[in-house]
Structure formats: structure tokens, C-alpha cells
Amino acid sequence: MASYSLHFKKSVARDFRSIPNKDVARILERIESTAGSPRQVGSEKLSGQNRYRIRQGDYRIMYEIKGDELIVVIVKVGHRKNIYRTQLTE
């Protein structure tokens, strides 16, 4: 099976500014793992949307899968208490 390519929305860079450096490396490793298998164990489809989420500690990574183009688009990264609040306004 072919590996998916990763794309990031511009707003994700802003999301990383609020995350401590010690957690950023683990989050990026988790994001890289989605390129090999975007629907991996632990990923959940968000209800009412074409987005998925995976957990990395207290943080959540929201992404979309464009299967026909083999692309995973990272939409949002944030702490679990805040990420679902801002998602409704996008």
C-alpha cells in the first residue's frame, strides 16, 4: 500500500506555538505515523464531519483524508480541553 503524503494547514503552525517544546516532538512523531496508516488503531471519525482525530497524551490531532489523492491534511492540533470548541467555527 502506498504511503500518504502529509500536508498542514497554515493555522497549524500557530497551534504549535501554544504547545510546550517537550510535547511537540511526540506530536510530530504521531503525525508522521498517520502517513503510513491514516485510519490506524486509535483514530476516530468525528461525527458529522469528514475529519478524524488521534490522541497524543493530552493533545488531539485533527485531520482529513483525501483518499483518491493519497493525502492527509492536518487541520488542527491542540489540548483536549480546547480543540473541540474552536472546531465548530471553522
PDB file of N, CA and C in Angstrom:
ATOM      1  N   MET A   1       0.844  -1.184   0.000  1.00  0.00           N
ATOM      2  CA  MET A   1       0.000   0.000   0.000  1.00  0.00           C
ATOM      3  C   MET A   1       0.882   1.238   0.000  1.00  0.00           C
ATOM      4  N   ALA A   2       0.513   2.226  -0.784  1.00  0.00           N
ATOM      5  CA  ALA A   2       1.295   3.448  -0.900  1.00  0.00           C
ATOM      6  C   ALA A   2       1.137   4.310   0.349  1.00  0.00           C
ATOM      7  N   SER A   3       2.186   5.033   0.644  1.00  0.00           N
ATOM      8  CA  SER A   3       2.169   5.921   1.792  1.00  0.00           C
ATOM      9  C   SER A   3       1.478   7.236   1.410  1.00  0.00           C
ATOM     10  N   TYR A   4       0.765   7.803   2.340  1.00  0.00           N
ATOM     11  CA  TYR A   4       0.097   9.074   2.122  1.00  0.00           C
ATOM     12  C   TYR A   4       1.099  10.204   2.337  1.00  0.00           C
ATOM     13  N   SER A   5       0.897  11.310   1.656  1.00  0.00           N
ATOM     14  CA  SER A   5       1.736  12.478   1.912  1.00  0.00           C
ATOM     15  C   SER A   5       1.019  13.367   2.921  1.00  0.00           C
ATOM     16  N   LEU A   6       1.793  14.084   3.717  1.00  0.00           N
ATOM     17  CA  LEU A   6       1.246  14.945   4.761  1.00  0.00           C
ATOM     18  C   LEU A   6       1.237  16.395   4.293  1.00  0.00           C
ATOM     19  N   HIS A   7       0.130  17.071   4.545  1.00  0.00           N
ATOM     20  CA  HIS A   7       0.004  18.496   4.281  1.00  0.00           C
ATOM     21  C   HIS A   7      -0.546  19.136   5.556  1.00  0.00           C
ATOM     22  N   PHE A   8      -0.099  20.355   5.832  1.00  0.00           N
ATOM     23  CA  PHE A   8      -0.527  21.065   7.027  1.00  0.00           C
ATOM     24  C   PHE A   8      -1.238  22.347   6.612  1.00  0.00           C
ATOM     25  N   LYS A   9      -2.357  22.652   7.283  1.00  0.00           N
ATOM     26  CA  LYS A   9      -2.972  23.960   7.105  1.00  0.00           C
ATOM     27  C   LYS A   9      -2.041  24.992   7.721  1.00  0.00           C
ATOM     28  N   LYS A  10      -2.079  26.200   7.229  1.00  0.00           N
ATOM     29  CA  LYS A  10      -1.205  27.257   7.754  1.00  0.00           C
ATOM     30  C   LYS A  10      -1.463  27.531   9.230  1.00  0.00           C
ATOM     31  N   SER A  11      -2.678  27.337   9.675  1.00  0.00           N
ATOM     32  CA  SER A  11      -3.037  27.627  11.062  1.00  0.00           C
ATOM     33  C   SER A  11      -2.403  26.638  12.050  1.00  0.00           C
ATOM     34  N   VAL A  12      -1.929  25.498  11.567  1.00  0.00           N
ATOM     35  CA  VAL A  12      -1.329  24.504  12.459  1.00  0.00           C
ATOM     36  C   VAL A  12      -0.033  25.042  13.065  1.00  0.00           C
ATOM     37  N   ALA A  13       0.717  25.846  12.322  1.00  0.00           N
ATOM     38  CA  ALA A  13       1.941  26.446  12.860  1.00  0.00           C
ATOM     39  C   ALA A  13       1.610  27.306  14.079  1.00  0.00           C
ATOM     40  N   ARG A  14       0.500  27.998  14.030  1.00  0.00           N
ATOM     41  CA  ARG A  14       0.048  28.811  15.156  1.00  0.00           C
ATOM     42  C   ARG A  14      -0.352  27.930  16.339  1.00  0.00           C
ATOM     43  N   ASP A  15      -0.944  26.778  16.038  1.00  0.00           N
ATOM     44  CA  ASP A  15      -1.346  25.848  17.096  1.00  0.00           C
ATOM     45  C   ASP A  15      -0.140  25.346  17.879  1.00  0.00           C
ATOM     46  N   PHE A  16       0.977  25.106  17.186  1.00  0.00           N
ATOM     47  CA  PHE A  16       2.166  24.576  17.847  1.00  0.00           C
ATOM     48  C   PHE A  16       2.822  25.585  18.784  1.00  0.00           C
ATOM     49  N   ARG A  17       2.592  26.871  18.583  1.00  0.00           N
ATOM     50  CA  ARG A  17       3.197  27.893  19.451  1.00  0.00           C
ATOM     51  C   ARG A  17       2.743  27.774  20.895  1.00  0.00           C
ATOM     52  N   SER A  18       1.529  27.303  21.109  1.00  0.00           N
ATOM     53  CA  SER A  18       0.995  27.222  22.468  1.00  0.00           C
ATOM     54  C   SER A  18       1.311  25.888  23.151  1.00  0.00           C
ATOM     55  N   ILE A  19       2.002  24.991  22.453  1.00  0.00           N
ATOM     56  CA  ILE A  19       2.309  23.660  22.994  1.00  0.00           C
ATOM     57  C   ILE A  19       3.754  23.659  23.491  1.00  0.00           C
ATOM     58  N   PRO A  20       4.007  23.149  24.701  1.00  0.00           N
ATOM     59  CA  PRO A  20       5.380  23.088  25.222  1.00  0.00           C
ATOM     60  C   PRO A  20       6.290  22.258  24.307  1.00  0.00           C
ATOM     61  N   ASN A  21       7.559  22.672  24.212  1.00  0.00           N
ATOM     62  CA  ASN A  21       8.515  22.009  23.315  1.00  0.00           C
ATOM     63  C   ASN A  21       8.654  20.522  23.599  1.00  0.00           C
ATOM     64  N   LYS A  22       8.552  20.118  24.857  1.00  0.00           N
ATOM     65  CA  LYS A  22       8.727  18.703  25.193  1.00  0.00           C
ATOM     66  C   LYS A  22       7.636  17.835  24.570  1.00  0.00           C
ATOM     67  N   ASP A  23       6.465  18.400  24.305  1.00  0.00           N
ATOM     68  CA  ASP A  23       5.358  17.642  23.716  1.00  0.00           C
ATOM     69  C   ASP A  23       5.334  17.700  22.193  1.00  0.00           C
ATOM     70  N   VAL A  24       5.955  18.720  21.620  1.00  0.00           N
ATOM     71  CA  VAL A  24       5.904  18.906  20.166  1.00  0.00           C
ATOM     72  C   VAL A  24       6.534  17.725  19.437  1.00  0.00           C
ATOM     73  N   ALA A  25       7.667  17.227  19.913  1.00  0.00           N
ATOM     74  CA  ALA A  25       8.349  16.115  19.233  1.00  0.00           C
ATOM     75  C   ALA A  25       7.469  14.867  19.190  1.00  0.00           C
ATOM     76  N   ARG A  26       6.802  14.561  20.299  1.00  0.00           N
ATOM     77  CA  ARG A  26       5.925  13.382  20.327  1.00  0.00           C
ATOM     78  C   ARG A  26       4.724  13.561  19.415  1.00  0.00           C
ATOM     79  N   ILE A  27       4.201  14.770  19.357  1.00  0.00           N
ATOM     80  CA  ILE A  27       3.055  15.047  18.484  1.00  0.00           C
ATOM     81  C   ILE A  27       3.466  14.890  17.016  1.00  0.00           C
ATOM     82  N   LEU A  28       4.655  15.397  16.671  1.00  0.00           N
ATOM     83  CA  LEU A  28       5.115  15.270  15.286  1.00  0.00           C
ATOM     84  C   LEU A  28       5.369  13.817  14.908  1.00  0.00           C
ATOM     85  N   GLU A  29       5.869  13.008  15.832  1.00  0.00           N
ATOM     86  CA  GLU A  29       6.038  11.580  15.557  1.00  0.00           C
ATOM     87  C   GLU A  29       4.692  10.919  15.283  1.00  0.00           C
ATOM     88  N   ARG A  30       3.703  11.298  16.063  1.00  0.00           N
ATOM     89  CA  ARG A  30       2.361  10.730  15.884  1.00  0.00           C
ATOM     90  C   ARG A  30       1.775  11.149  14.541  1.00  0.00           C
ATOM     91  N   ILE A  31       2.018  12.407  14.153  1.00  0.00           N
ATOM     92  CA  ILE A  31       1.538  12.889  12.857  1.00  0.00           C
ATOM     93  C   ILE A  31       2.204  12.105  11.730  1.00  0.00           C
ATOM     94  N   GLU A  32       3.503  11.859  11.835  1.00  0.00           N
ATOM     95  CA  GLU A  32       4.225  11.104  10.810  1.00  0.00           C
ATOM     96  C   GLU A  32       3.673   9.684  10.679  1.00  0.00           C
ATOM     97  N   SER A  33       3.195   9.122  11.776  1.00  0.00           N
ATOM     98  CA  SER A  33       2.658   7.762  11.710  1.00  0.00           C
ATOM     99  C   SER A  33       1.356   7.700  10.910  1.00  0.00           C
ATOM    100  N   THR A  34       0.659   8.815  10.788  1.00  0.00           N
ATOM    101  CA  THR A  34      -0.582   8.821  10.009  1.00  0.00           C
ATOM    102  C   THR A  34      -0.311   8.701   8.517  1.00  0.00           C
ATOM    103  N   ALA A  35       0.901   9.041   8.079  1.00  0.00           N
ATOM    104  CA  ALA A  35       1.225   8.931   6.652  1.00  0.00           C
ATOM    105  C   ALA A  35       1.216   7.470   6.210  1.00  0.00           C
ATOM    106  N   GLY A  36       1.626   6.579   7.088  1.00  0.00           N
ATOM    107  CA  GLY A  36       1.636   5.165   6.743  1.00  0.00           C
ATOM    108  C   GLY A  36       0.264   4.522   6.835  1.00  0.00           C
ATOM    109  N   SER A  37      -0.521   4.978   7.799  1.00  0.00           N
ATOM    110  CA  SER A  37      -1.840   4.391   8.021  1.00  0.00           C
ATOM    111  C   SER A  37      -2.762   5.441   8.639  1.00  0.00           C
ATOM    112  N   PRO A  38      -3.485   6.210   7.828  1.00  0.00           N
ATOM    113  CA  PRO A  38      -4.324   7.279   8.371  1.00  0.00           C
ATOM    114  C   PRO A  38      -5.510   6.794   9.213  1.00  0.00           C
ATOM    115  N   ARG A  39      -5.957   5.581   8.967  1.00  0.00           N
ATOM    116  CA  ARG A  39      -7.066   5.048   9.762  1.00  0.00           C
ATOM    117  C   ARG A  39      -6.532   4.009  10.742  1.00  0.00           C
ATOM    118  N   GLN A  40      -5.483   4.368  11.461  1.00  0.00           N
ATOM    119  CA  GLN A  40      -4.817   3.463  12.383  1.00  0.00           C
ATOM    120  C   GLN A  40      -5.638   3.213  13.637  1.00  0.00           C
ATOM    121  N   VAL A  41      -5.212   2.231  14.393  1.00  0.00           N
ATOM    122  CA  VAL A  41      -5.872   1.934  15.666  1.00  0.00           C
ATOM    123  C   VAL A  41      -5.767   3.168  16.553  1.00  0.00           C
ATOM    124  N   GLY A  42      -6.871   3.566  17.128  1.00  0.00           N
ATOM    125  CA  GLY A  42      -6.896   4.746  17.979  1.00  0.00           C
ATOM    126  C   GLY A  42      -7.433   5.983  17.291  1.00  0.00           C
ATOM    127  N   SER A  43      -7.536   5.951  15.975  1.00  0.00           N
ATOM    128  CA  SER A  43      -8.120   7.104  15.291  1.00  0.00           C
ATOM    129  C   SER A  43      -9.637   6.965  15.313  1.00  0.00           C
ATOM    130  N   GLU A  44     -10.299   8.086  15.427  1.00  0.00           N
ATOM    131  CA  GLU A  44     -11.768   8.076  15.456  1.00  0.00           C
ATOM    132  C   GLU A  44     -12.300   9.093  14.471  1.00  0.00           C
ATOM    133  N   LYS A  45     -13.332   8.717  13.763  1.00  0.00           N
ATOM    134  CA  LYS A  45     -14.004   9.640  12.859  1.00  0.00           C
ATOM    135  C   LYS A  45     -14.880  10.553  13.692  1.00  0.00           C
ATOM    136  N   LEU A  46     -14.814  11.843  13.415  1.00  0.00           N
ATOM    137  CA  LEU A  46     -15.635  12.803  14.136  1.00  0.00           C
ATOM    138  C   LEU A  46     -17.034  12.812  13.547  1.00  0.00           C
ATOM    139  N   SER A  47     -18.018  12.782  14.397  1.00  0.00           N
ATOM    140  CA  SER A  47     -19.397  12.714  13.924  1.00  0.00           C
ATOM    141  C   SER A  47     -19.785  14.007  13.216  1.00  0.00           C
ATOM    142  N   GLY A  48     -20.489  13.849  12.115  1.00  0.00           N
ATOM    143  CA  GLY A  48     -20.986  14.989  11.365  1.00  0.00           C
ATOM    144  C   GLY A  48     -19.934  15.685  10.517  1.00  0.00           C
ATOM    145  N   GLN A  49     -18.738  15.107  10.396  1.00  0.00           N
ATOM    146  CA  GLN A  49     -17.667  15.738   9.625  1.00  0.00           C
ATOM    147  C   GLN A  49     -16.886  14.688   8.858  1.00  0.00           C
ATOM    148  N   ASN A  50     -16.069  15.150   7.948  1.00  0.00           N
ATOM    149  CA  ASN A  50     -15.168  14.260   7.224  1.00  0.00           C
ATOM    150  C   ASN A  50     -13.772  14.331   7.837  1.00  0.00           C
ATOM    151  N   ARG A  51     -13.696  14.424   9.137  1.00  0.00           N
ATOM    152  CA  ARG A  51     -12.422  14.544   9.836  1.00  0.00           C
ATOM    153  C   ARG A  51     -12.245  13.397  10.812  1.00  0.00           C
ATOM    154  N   TYR A  52     -10.982  13.155  11.116  1.00  0.00           N
ATOM    155  CA  TYR A  52     -10.610  12.138  12.091  1.00  0.00           C
ATOM    156  C   TYR A  52      -9.778  12.803  13.175  1.00  0.00           C
ATOM    157  N   ARG A  53      -9.615  12.098  14.280  1.00  0.00           N
ATOM    158  CA  ARG A  53      -8.738  12.601  15.324  1.00  0.00           C
ATOM    159  C   ARG A  53      -7.970  11.444  15.936  1.00  0.00           C
ATOM    160  N   ILE A  54      -6.751  11.754  16.353  1.00  0.00           N
ATOM    161  CA  ILE A  54      -5.945  10.809  17.108  1.00  0.00           C
ATOM    162  C   ILE A  54      -5.449  11.520  18.354  1.00  0.00           C
ATOM    163  N   ARG A  55      -5.154  10.738  19.356  1.00  0.00           N
ATOM    164  CA  ARG A  55      -4.710  11.276  20.642  1.00  0.00           C
ATOM    165  C   ARG A  55      -3.205  11.120  20.780  1.00  0.00           C
ATOM    166  N   GLN A  56      -2.596  12.115  21.400  1.00  0.00           N
ATOM    167  CA  GLN A  56      -1.205  12.020  21.818  1.00  0.00           C
ATOM    168  C   GLN A  56      -1.125  12.695  23.176  1.00  0.00           C
ATOM    169  N   GLY A  57      -1.230  11.888  24.210  1.00  0.00           N
ATOM    170  CA  GLY A  57      -1.247  12.432  25.563  1.00  0.00           C
ATOM    171  C   GLY A  57      -2.493  13.269  25.768  1.00  0.00           C
ATOM    172  N   ASP A  58      -2.299  14.491  26.222  1.00  0.00           N
ATOM    173  CA  ASP A  58      -3.422  15.407  26.437  1.00  0.00           C
ATOM    174  C   ASP A  58      -3.782  16.197  25.187  1.00  0.00           C
ATOM    175  N   TYR A  59      -3.117  15.913  24.091  1.00  0.00           N
ATOM    176  CA  TYR A  59      -3.335  16.670  22.858  1.00  0.00           C
ATOM    177  C   TYR A  59      -4.085  15.842  21.830  1.00  0.00           C
ATOM    178  N   ARG A  60      -4.774  16.546  20.942  1.00  0.00           N
ATOM    179  CA  ARG A  60      -5.532  15.906  19.883  1.00  0.00           C
ATOM    180  C   ARG A  60      -5.061  16.458  18.550  1.00  0.00           C
ATOM    181  N   ILE A  61      -5.005  15.574  17.576  1.00  0.00           N
ATOM    182  CA  ILE A  61      -4.604  15.942  16.228  1.00  0.00           C
ATOM    183  C   ILE A  61      -5.787  15.663  15.317  1.00  0.00           C
ATOM    184  N   MET A  62      -6.326  16.702  14.715  1.00  0.00           N
ATOM    185  CA  MET A  62      -7.462  16.546  13.811  1.00  0.00           C
ATOM    186  C   MET A  62      -6.966  16.603  12.376  1.00  0.00           C
ATOM    187  N   TYR A  63      -7.476  15.681  11.538  1.00  0.00           N
ATOM    188  CA  TYR A  63      -7.017  15.635  10.163  1.00  0.00           C
ATOM    189  C   TYR A  63      -8.109  15.134   9.236  1.00  0.00           C
ATOM    190  N   GLU A  64      -7.920  15.419   7.950  1.00  0.00           N
ATOM    191  CA  GLU A  64      -8.810  14.960   6.890  1.00  0.00           C
ATOM    192  C   GLU A  64      -8.026  14.022   5.988  1.00  0.00           C
ATOM    193  N   ILE A  65      -8.707  13.060   5.407  1.00  0.00           N
ATOM    194  CA  ILE A  65      -8.077  12.112   4.495  1.00  0.00           C
ATOM    195  C   ILE A  65      -8.643  12.330   3.103  1.00  0.00           C
ATOM    196  N   LYS A  66      -7.769  12.564   2.160  1.00  0.00           N
ATOM    197  CA  LYS A  66      -8.170  12.655   0.749  1.00  0.00           C
ATOM    198  C   LYS A  66      -7.653  11.387   0.088  1.00  0.00           C
ATOM    199  N   GLY A  67      -8.467  10.337   0.147  1.00  0.00           N
ATOM    200  CA  GLY A  67      -8.057   9.013  -0.280  1.00  0.00           C
ATOM    201  C   GLY A  67      -7.718   8.890  -1.749  1.00  0.00           C
ATOM    202  N   ASP A  68      -8.439   9.596  -2.609  1.00  0.00           N
ATOM    203  CA  ASP A  68      -8.171   9.485  -4.036  1.00  0.00           C
ATOM    204  C   ASP A  68      -6.834  10.116  -4.420  1.00  0.00           C
ATOM    205  N   GLU A  69      -6.347  11.068  -3.608  1.00  0.00           N
ATOM    206  CA  GLU A  69      -5.079  11.736  -3.885  1.00  0.00           C
ATOM    207  C   GLU A  69      -3.960  11.256  -2.965  1.00  0.00           C
ATOM    208  N   LEU A  70      -4.263  10.353  -2.027  1.00  0.00           N
ATOM    209  CA  LEU A  70      -3.309   9.854  -1.030  1.00  0.00           C
ATOM    210  C   LEU A  70      -2.672  10.994  -0.237  1.00  0.00           C
ATOM    211  N   ILE A  71      -3.537  11.845   0.323  1.00  0.00           N
ATOM    212  CA  ILE A  71      -3.091  12.999   1.105  1.00  0.00           C
ATOM    213  C   ILE A  71      -3.787  12.983   2.457  1.00  0.00           C
ATOM    214  N   VAL A  72      -3.025  13.282   3.511  1.00  0.00           N
ATOM    215  CA  VAL A  72      -3.567  13.512   4.842  1.00  0.00           C
ATOM    216  C   VAL A  72      -3.313  14.982   5.159  1.00  0.00           C
ATOM    217  N   VAL A  73      -4.378  15.735   5.438  1.00  0.00           N
ATOM    218  CA  VAL A  73      -4.272  17.160   5.735  1.00  0.00           C
ATOM    219  C   VAL A  73      -4.469  17.348   7.236  1.00  0.00           C
ATOM    220  N   ILE A  74      -3.435  17.822   7.919  1.00  0.00           N
ATOM    221  CA  ILE A  74      -3.524  18.111   9.347  1.00  0.00           C
ATOM    222  C   ILE A  74      -4.244  19.449   9.482  1.00  0.00           C
ATOM    223  N   VAL A  75      -5.383  19.424  10.163  1.00  0.00           N
ATOM    224  CA  VAL A  75      -6.252  20.594  10.244  1.00  0.00           C
ATOM    225  C   VAL A  75      -6.023  21.386  11.521  1.00  0.00           C
ATOM    226  N   LYS A  76      -5.871  20.677  12.643  1.00  0.00           N
ATOM    227  CA  LYS A  76      -5.777  21.363  13.933  1.00  0.00           C
ATOM    228  C   LYS A  76      -5.034  20.475  14.917  1.00  0.00           C
ATOM    229  N   VAL A  77      -4.243  21.104  15.784  1.00  0.00           N
ATOM    230  CA  VAL A  77      -3.551  20.420  16.872  1.00  0.00           C
ATOM    231  C   VAL A  77      -3.779  21.269  18.114  1.00  0.00           C
ATOM    232  N   GLY A  78      -4.209  20.623  19.198  1.00  0.00           N
ATOM    233  CA  GLY A  78      -4.442  21.392  20.408  1.00  0.00           C
ATOM    234  C   GLY A  78      -4.718  20.529  21.610  1.00  0.00           C
ATOM    235  N   HIS A  79      -4.786  21.187  22.755  1.00  0.00           N
ATOM    236  CA  HIS A  79      -5.092  20.497  24.007  1.00  0.00           C
ATOM    237  C   HIS A  79      -6.523  19.997  23.971  1.00  0.00           C
ATOM    238  N   ARG A  80      -6.757  18.878  24.608  1.00  0.00           N
ATOM    239  CA  ARG A  80      -8.065  18.228  24.536  1.00  0.00           C
ATOM    240  C   ARG A  80      -9.191  19.079  25.077  1.00  0.00           C
ATOM    241  N   LYS A  81      -8.908  19.992  26.007  1.00  0.00           N
ATOM    242  CA  LYS A  81      -9.990  20.807  26.570  1.00  0.00           C
ATOM    243  C   LYS A  81     -10.410  21.952  25.645  1.00  0.00           C
ATOM    244  N   ASN A  82      -9.567  22.279  24.664  1.00  0.00           N
ATOM    245  CA  ASN A  82      -9.868  23.417  23.790  1.00  0.00           C
ATOM    246  C   ASN A  82     -10.166  23.057  22.350  1.00  0.00           C
ATOM    247  N   ILE A  83      -9.709  21.941  21.885  1.00  0.00           N
ATOM    248  CA  ILE A  83      -9.739  21.664  20.448  1.00  0.00           C
ATOM    249  C   ILE A  83     -11.158  21.522  19.890  1.00  0.00           C
ATOM    250  N   TYR A  84     -12.055  20.974  20.633  1.00  0.00           N
ATOM    251  CA  TYR A  84     -13.409  20.748  20.106  1.00  0.00           C
ATOM    252  C   TYR A  84     -14.246  22.013  20.147  1.00  0.00           C
ATOM    253  N   ARG A  85     -13.882  22.979  20.938  1.00  0.00           N
ATOM    254  CA  ARG A  85     -14.620  24.253  20.990  1.00  0.00           C
ATOM    255  C   ARG A  85     -14.401  25.070  19.728  1.00  0.00           C
ATOM    256  N   THR A  86     -13.160  25.178  19.285  1.00  0.00           N
ATOM    257  CA  THR A  86     -12.850  26.010  18.132  1.00  0.00           C
ATOM    258  C   THR A  86     -13.196  25.341  16.823  1.00  0.00           C
ATOM    259  N   GLN A  87     -13.367  24.054  16.819  1.00  0.00           N
ATOM    260  CA  GLN A  87     -13.653  23.311  15.595  1.00  0.00           C
ATOM    261  C   GLN A  87     -14.986  23.736  14.989  1.00  0.00           C
ATOM    262  N   LEU A  88     -15.933  24.128  15.790  1.00  0.00           N
ATOM    263  CA  LEU A  88     -17.259  24.460  15.283  1.00  0.00           C
ATOM    264  C   LEU A  88     -17.256  25.745  14.456  1.00  0.00           C
ATOM    265  N   THR A  89     -16.279  26.613  14.654  1.00  0.00           N
ATOM    266  CA  THR A  89     -16.254  27.877  13.930  1.00  0.00           C
ATOM    267  C   THR A  89     -15.524  27.777  12.603  1.00  0.00           C
ATOM    268  N   GLU A  90     -14.873  26.670  12.312  1.00  0.00           N
ATOM    269  CA  GLU A  90     -14.116  26.553  11.061  1.00  0.00           C
ATOM    270  C   GLU A  90     -15.017  26.176   9.919  1.00  0.00           C
TER     271      GLU A  90
END
